[in-house]
Amino acid sequence: MAGSVADAPAPSFNGRRVLAFESRRATEIETLIRSFGGVPIVAPAIREASLESNTDVLAFVDRLERGEFDAVVFLTGAGARAMADIASRSRPRERFFEALRRVRVIVRGPKPRAVMREFDVPVWANAPEPNTWRELLDAVDARAAEWTLAGARVAVQEYGVSNQDLLVALRARGADVTAVQAYQWAMPENLSPLENAARAVASGGVDVILVTSGIQFEHFWRVAAALGIEADVRQRIDGIVIGSIGPSASAEIRRHGCTPAFEPAHPKMGQLVREACQASQ
């Protein structure tokens, strides 16, 4: 049928230059950008780094085994795995999983939920899309008749930088909160791709930027400032379509005085790339 959705052309970047900051999924996003007719510029902006000391995680695991927590919040799948790895250095891995099965486990979206499935640990509450701390709280609040945060002892697995908004909101509901940092975000060991990306933005060589984590944008600006080209980047970036994976990344983009053009309907990498095609037309 003429004019049907099936006959509509697939979205395309039409040769536009697309900058992405992915690290672990760099190859995947590069392939996606090419498949949509874009010229990928992939500059890894973050590196997961172990903390110099794992004493906080080990102390948390000890307390968990002693029954000193009522609930554990996992914000990332990588953080959950890091905790299990650290715990396994001093005790059988299964002991950690058994301790988790004795508390309410709350997760922020599909990645930590998938890890809990691997651990055979039931999930009591899961944050729906767009999987921010606000949806996490809503999911817990929705089950207040079953269990309340008031007086509850809650551990929160953190990553990179502390989510103070979440901690404050939990405490405001009466919870006794213990934050546990599982790993931190560091700059990549090889800064050359990120430096070249900053220079490309400053010279007008980028048409679209894809941000899948707020800390990526923070590191990008840190590199631009170190190169002394922050003003040039700022002059050019207003003309670039910036796609943000979700509200947390958008907040960081705005904190740097920039405006995300869109957030995808679902916080998935493929959806982000597809909608970036449409937004860049």
Protein backbone atom coordinates (compact mmCIF):
# COMPACT_ATOMS: atom_id res chain seq x y z
CA MET A 1 0.00 0.00 0.00
CA ALA A 2 1.40 3.38 -0.98
CA GLY A 3 2.43 5.50 1.95
CA SER A 4 2.32 2.63 4.43
CA VAL A 5 4.67 2.42 7.39
CA ALA A 6 6.30 -0.62 5.78
CA ASP A 7 7.29 1.54 2.77
CA ALA A 8 8.83 4.28 4.92
CA PRO A 9 12.60 4.54 4.50
CA ALA A 10 14.74 3.39 7.40
CA PRO A 11 16.19 6.28 9.41
CA SER A 12 19.71 7.26 8.45
CA PHE A 13 22.43 9.60 9.66
CA ASN A 14 23.22 10.23 5.99
CA GLY A 15 26.94 10.39 6.62
CA ARG A 16 26.77 12.56 9.72
CA ARG A 17 29.63 12.27 12.17
CA VAL A 18 28.45 10.68 15.41
CA LEU A 19 30.48 10.84 18.62
CA ALA A 20 29.90 8.20 21.30
CA PHE A 21 31.71 7.77 24.62
CA GLU A 22 31.11 4.05 25.20
CA SER A 23 33.83 1.91 26.73
CA ARG A 24 32.62 -1.65 27.40
CA ARG A 25 30.22 -1.55 24.44
CA ALA A 26 32.38 0.53 22.11
CA THR A 27 32.35 -2.03 19.29
CA GLU A 28 28.59 -2.46 19.55
CA ILE A 29 27.76 1.22 19.33
CA GLU A 30 30.25 1.73 16.48
CA THR A 31 28.52 -1.04 14.52
CA LEU A 32 25.10 0.47 15.26
CA ILE A 33 26.14 3.93 14.08
CA ARG A 34 27.53 2.49 10.84
CA SER A 35 24.39 0.43 10.27
CA PHE A 36 22.36 3.66 10.36
CA GLY A 37 24.60 5.41 7.85
CA GLY A 38 26.69 7.40 10.31
CA VAL A 39 30.42 7.95 10.58
CA PRO A 40 31.30 6.78 14.10
CA ILE A 41 33.77 8.56 16.35
CA VAL A 42 34.05 6.34 19.41
CA ALA A 43 36.04 7.81 22.28
CA PRO A 44 35.86 5.77 25.51
CA ALA A 45 35.35 8.25 28.35
CA ILE A 46 35.28 6.09 31.47
CA ARG A 47 36.99 3.13 33.06
CA GLU A 48 35.70 1.02 35.91
CA ALA A 49 38.41 1.00 38.55
CA SER A 50 38.64 -1.01 41.75
CA LEU A 51 38.79 1.02 44.93
CA GLU A 52 42.18 1.13 46.61
CA SER A 53 40.63 -0.54 49.62
CA ASN A 54 37.72 -3.00 49.69
CA THR A 55 37.20 -2.69 53.43
CA ASP A 56 33.79 -1.05 53.04
CA VAL A 57 32.48 -3.91 50.89
CA LEU A 58 33.92 -6.55 53.21
CA ALA A 59 32.40 -4.79 56.23
CA PHE A 60 29.05 -4.70 54.44
CA VAL A 61 29.22 -8.42 53.64
CA ASP A 62 30.09 -9.24 57.26
CA ARG A 63 27.14 -7.20 58.51
CA LEU A 64 24.83 -8.73 55.91
CA GLU A 65 25.74 -12.23 57.06
CA ARG A 66 25.11 -11.21 60.67
CA GLY A 67 21.58 -10.11 59.75
CA GLU A 68 22.18 -6.39 60.27
CA PHE A 69 20.32 -5.29 57.12
CA ASP A 70 16.68 -5.57 56.14
CA ALA A 71 17.15 -4.61 52.48
CA VAL A 72 19.91 -4.15 49.92
CA VAL A 73 19.63 -1.82 46.94
CA PHE A 74 21.68 -2.66 43.85
CA LEU A 75 22.06 0.25 41.44
CA THR A 76 24.20 -1.53 38.82
CA GLY A 77 24.86 -5.05 37.65
CA ALA A 78 28.60 -4.41 37.56
CA GLY A 79 28.48 -3.30 41.18
CA ALA A 80 26.64 -6.43 42.25
CA ARG A 81 29.25 -8.61 40.53
CA ALA A 82 32.08 -6.59 42.06
CA MET A 83 30.64 -7.15 45.52
CA ALA A 84 30.34 -10.88 44.90
CA ASP A 85 33.93 -11.03 43.65
CA ILE A 86 35.23 -9.15 46.70
CA ALA A 87 33.19 -11.31 49.08
CA SER A 88 34.49 -14.51 47.47
CA ARG A 89 38.06 -13.63 48.42
CA SER A 90 37.37 -14.30 52.08
CA ARG A 91 34.48 -16.82 52.06
CA PRO A 92 32.59 -19.18 49.74
CA ARG A 93 30.71 -17.16 47.09
CA GLU A 94 27.45 -18.95 47.90
CA ARG A 95 27.49 -17.57 51.44
CA PHE A 96 27.05 -14.07 50.03
CA PHE A 97 24.12 -15.20 47.90
CA GLU A 98 22.49 -16.97 50.85
CA ALA A 99 22.75 -13.80 52.92
CA LEU A 100 21.09 -11.79 50.13
CA ARG A 101 18.21 -14.28 50.00
CA ARG A 102 17.42 -13.43 53.63
CA VAL A 103 16.75 -9.73 52.89
CA ARG A 104 14.65 -7.70 50.50
CA VAL A 105 16.65 -7.05 47.36
CA ILE A 106 15.75 -3.90 45.42
CA VAL A 107 17.26 -3.24 41.98
CA ARG A 108 17.42 -0.32 39.58
CA GLY A 109 16.42 -1.84 36.27
CA PRO A 110 17.24 -4.82 34.06
CA LYS A 111 21.02 -5.09 34.50
CA PRO A 112 21.16 -5.66 38.27
CA ARG A 113 18.01 -7.78 37.96
CA ALA A 114 19.78 -10.05 35.45
CA VAL A 115 22.72 -10.42 37.83
CA MET A 116 20.38 -11.36 40.69
CA ARG A 117 18.90 -14.01 38.41
CA GLU A 118 22.40 -15.39 37.86
CA PHE A 119 22.90 -15.41 41.64
CA ASP A 120 19.52 -17.12 42.13
CA VAL A 121 18.53 -14.26 44.44
CA PRO A 122 14.87 -13.12 44.39
CA VAL A 123 14.19 -9.46 43.62
CA TRP A 124 11.60 -7.84 45.84
CA ALA A 125 11.26 -4.56 43.90
CA ASN A 126 12.60 -3.32 40.58
CA ALA A 127 12.67 0.22 39.19
CA PRO A 128 10.78 0.45 35.87
CA GLU A 129 11.95 2.56 32.93
CA PRO A 130 13.66 4.94 32.76
CA ASN A 131 15.30 3.15 35.72
CA THR A 132 16.34 6.16 37.77
CA TRP A 133 16.46 6.43 41.55
CA ARG A 134 13.04 8.10 41.43
CA GLU A 135 11.40 5.04 39.84
CA LEU A 136 13.22 2.89 42.37
CA LEU A 137 11.66 4.83 45.24
CA ASP A 138 8.25 4.72 43.57
CA ALA A 139 8.51 0.92 43.29
CA VAL A 140 9.31 0.65 46.99
CA ASP A 141 6.63 3.15 48.02
CA ALA A 142 4.04 1.21 46.00
CA ARG A 143 4.55 -1.76 48.34
CA ALA A 144 4.50 0.21 51.59
CA ALA A 145 1.56 -1.79 52.87
CA GLU A 146 3.76 -4.90 52.71
CA TRP A 147 6.99 -3.36 54.01
CA THR A 148 8.00 0.16 54.94
CA LEU A 149 11.29 1.99 54.91
CA ALA A 150 10.55 3.54 58.29
CA GLY A 151 13.06 2.04 60.70
CA ALA A 152 14.49 -0.29 58.04
CA ARG A 153 18.23 -0.92 57.83
CA VAL A 154 19.10 -0.43 54.15
CA ALA A 155 22.40 -0.88 52.33
CA VAL A 156 22.83 0.88 48.97
CA GLN A 157 25.42 -0.31 46.47
CA GLU A 158 26.86 2.78 44.84
CA TYR A 159 29.22 3.36 41.93
CA GLY A 160 31.33 6.17 40.58
CA VAL A 161 29.92 9.07 42.57
CA SER A 162 27.50 8.91 45.47
CA ASN A 163 23.80 9.37 44.65
CA GLN A 164 23.02 11.81 47.44
CA ASP A 165 19.46 12.41 46.21
CA LEU A 166 18.62 8.74 46.71
CA LEU A 167 20.30 8.53 50.11
CA VAL A 168 18.51 11.66 51.34
CA ALA A 169 15.14 10.38 50.07
CA LEU A 170 15.60 7.01 51.79
CA ARG A 171 16.54 8.69 55.07
CA ALA A 172 13.59 11.05 54.76
CA ARG A 173 11.37 7.95 54.75
CA GLY A 174 12.93 6.83 58.03
CA ALA A 175 15.51 4.34 56.76
CA ASP A 176 18.89 3.79 58.42
CA VAL A 177 21.07 3.92 55.28
CA THR A 178 24.55 2.53 54.70
CA ALA A 179 26.16 3.47 51.38
CA VAL A 180 28.66 0.96 49.99
CA GLN A 181 30.92 2.01 47.12
CA ALA A 182 31.61 -1.04 44.92
CA TYR A 183 33.84 0.62 42.33
CA GLN A 184 34.68 4.03 41.00
CA TRP A 185 34.71 5.68 37.60
CA ALA A 186 38.15 6.69 36.42
CA MET A 187 39.43 8.42 33.31
CA PRO A 188 40.51 6.01 30.56
CA GLU A 189 44.14 5.00 30.66
CA ASN A 190 44.53 6.10 27.02
CA LEU A 191 43.19 9.64 26.74
CA SER A 192 44.07 10.12 23.07
CA PRO A 193 40.65 9.13 21.61
CA LEU A 194 38.85 11.44 24.04
CA GLU A 195 41.29 14.28 23.37
CA ASN A 196 40.83 13.83 19.62
CA ALA A 197 37.05 13.83 20.11
CA ALA A 198 37.22 17.11 22.02
CA ARG A 199 39.32 18.64 19.24
CA ALA A 200 36.83 17.35 16.65
CA VAL A 201 33.94 19.03 18.48
CA ALA A 202 35.93 22.26 18.80
CA SER A 203 36.69 22.31 15.07
CA GLY A 204 33.15 21.53 13.93
CA GLY A 205 33.89 17.92 13.06
CA VAL A 206 30.98 16.37 15.00
CA ASP A 207 27.27 16.46 14.13
CA VAL A 208 25.75 14.20 16.80
CA ILE A 209 26.82 13.24 20.33
CA LEU A 210 25.44 10.18 22.11
CA VAL A 211 25.65 10.13 25.92
CA THR A 212 24.89 6.85 27.69
CA SER A 213 26.15 7.90 31.14
CA GLY A 214 26.41 11.30 32.78
CA ILE A 215 29.99 10.71 33.93
CA GLN A 216 31.02 10.37 30.27
CA PHE A 217 30.02 13.97 29.68
CA GLU A 218 31.82 15.11 32.82
CA HIS A 219 35.06 13.44 31.66
CA PHE A 220 34.66 14.89 28.17
CA TRP A 221 34.54 18.41 29.58
CA ARG A 222 37.43 17.68 31.91
CA VAL A 223 39.57 16.72 28.90
CA ALA A 224 38.44 19.76 26.92
CA ALA A 225 39.44 22.01 29.81
CA ALA A 226 42.85 20.29 30.15
CA LEU A 227 43.48 20.90 26.44
CA GLY A 228 42.54 24.57 26.80
CA ILE A 229 39.76 24.32 24.20
CA GLU A 230 36.71 24.47 26.47
CA ALA A 231 35.57 27.80 25.00
CA ASP A 232 35.84 26.46 21.45
CA VAL A 233 33.91 23.33 22.38
CA ARG A 234 31.19 25.39 24.03
CA GLN A 235 30.86 27.59 20.96
CA ARG A 236 30.34 24.60 18.68
CA ILE A 237 28.32 22.26 20.87
CA ASP A 238 25.12 24.30 20.70
CA GLY A 239 24.86 23.28 17.05
CA ILE A 240 25.29 19.56 17.78
CA VAL A 241 22.39 17.15 18.35
CA ILE A 242 22.95 15.60 21.79
CA GLY A 243 21.13 12.36 22.51
CA SER A 244 20.81 11.36 26.16
CA ILE A 245 20.05 7.82 27.31
CA GLY A 246 17.84 9.04 30.17
CA PRO A 247 17.10 11.55 32.95
CA SER A 248 20.33 11.07 34.92
CA ALA A 249 22.51 11.63 31.87
CA SER A 250 20.34 14.60 30.85
CA ALA A 251 20.82 16.19 34.26
CA GLU A 252 24.61 16.02 33.84
CA ILE A 253 24.38 17.41 30.30
CA ARG A 254 22.36 20.36 31.58
CA ARG A 255 24.76 20.86 34.48
CA HIS A 256 27.38 21.69 31.89
CA GLY A 257 25.13 24.26 30.25
CA CYS A 258 24.07 22.07 27.31
CA THR A 259 20.65 20.89 26.21
CA PRO A 260 19.89 17.28 25.25
CA ALA A 261 17.84 17.13 22.07
CA PHE A 262 15.97 14.01 23.18
CA GLU A 263 15.82 10.96 25.40
CA PRO A 264 14.83 7.71 23.64
CA ALA A 265 11.45 6.14 24.29
CA HIS A 266 13.28 3.29 26.02
CA PRO A 267 16.73 3.66 27.64
CA LYS A 268 18.42 1.21 25.26
CA MET A 269 21.49 1.79 23.11
CA GLY A 270 19.82 0.69 19.87
CA GLN A 271 16.84 2.96 20.53
CA LEU A 272 19.16 5.86 21.30
CA VAL A 273 21.00 5.46 17.99
CA ARG A 274 17.79 5.06 15.98
CA GLU A 275 16.14 8.12 17.47
CA ALA A 276 19.35 10.11 17.03
CA CYS A 277 18.98 9.51 13.28
CA GLN A 278 15.53 11.06 13.36
CA ALA A 279 16.56 13.95 15.58
CA SER A 280 19.50 14.84 13.35
CA GLN A 281 17.44 15.25 10.18
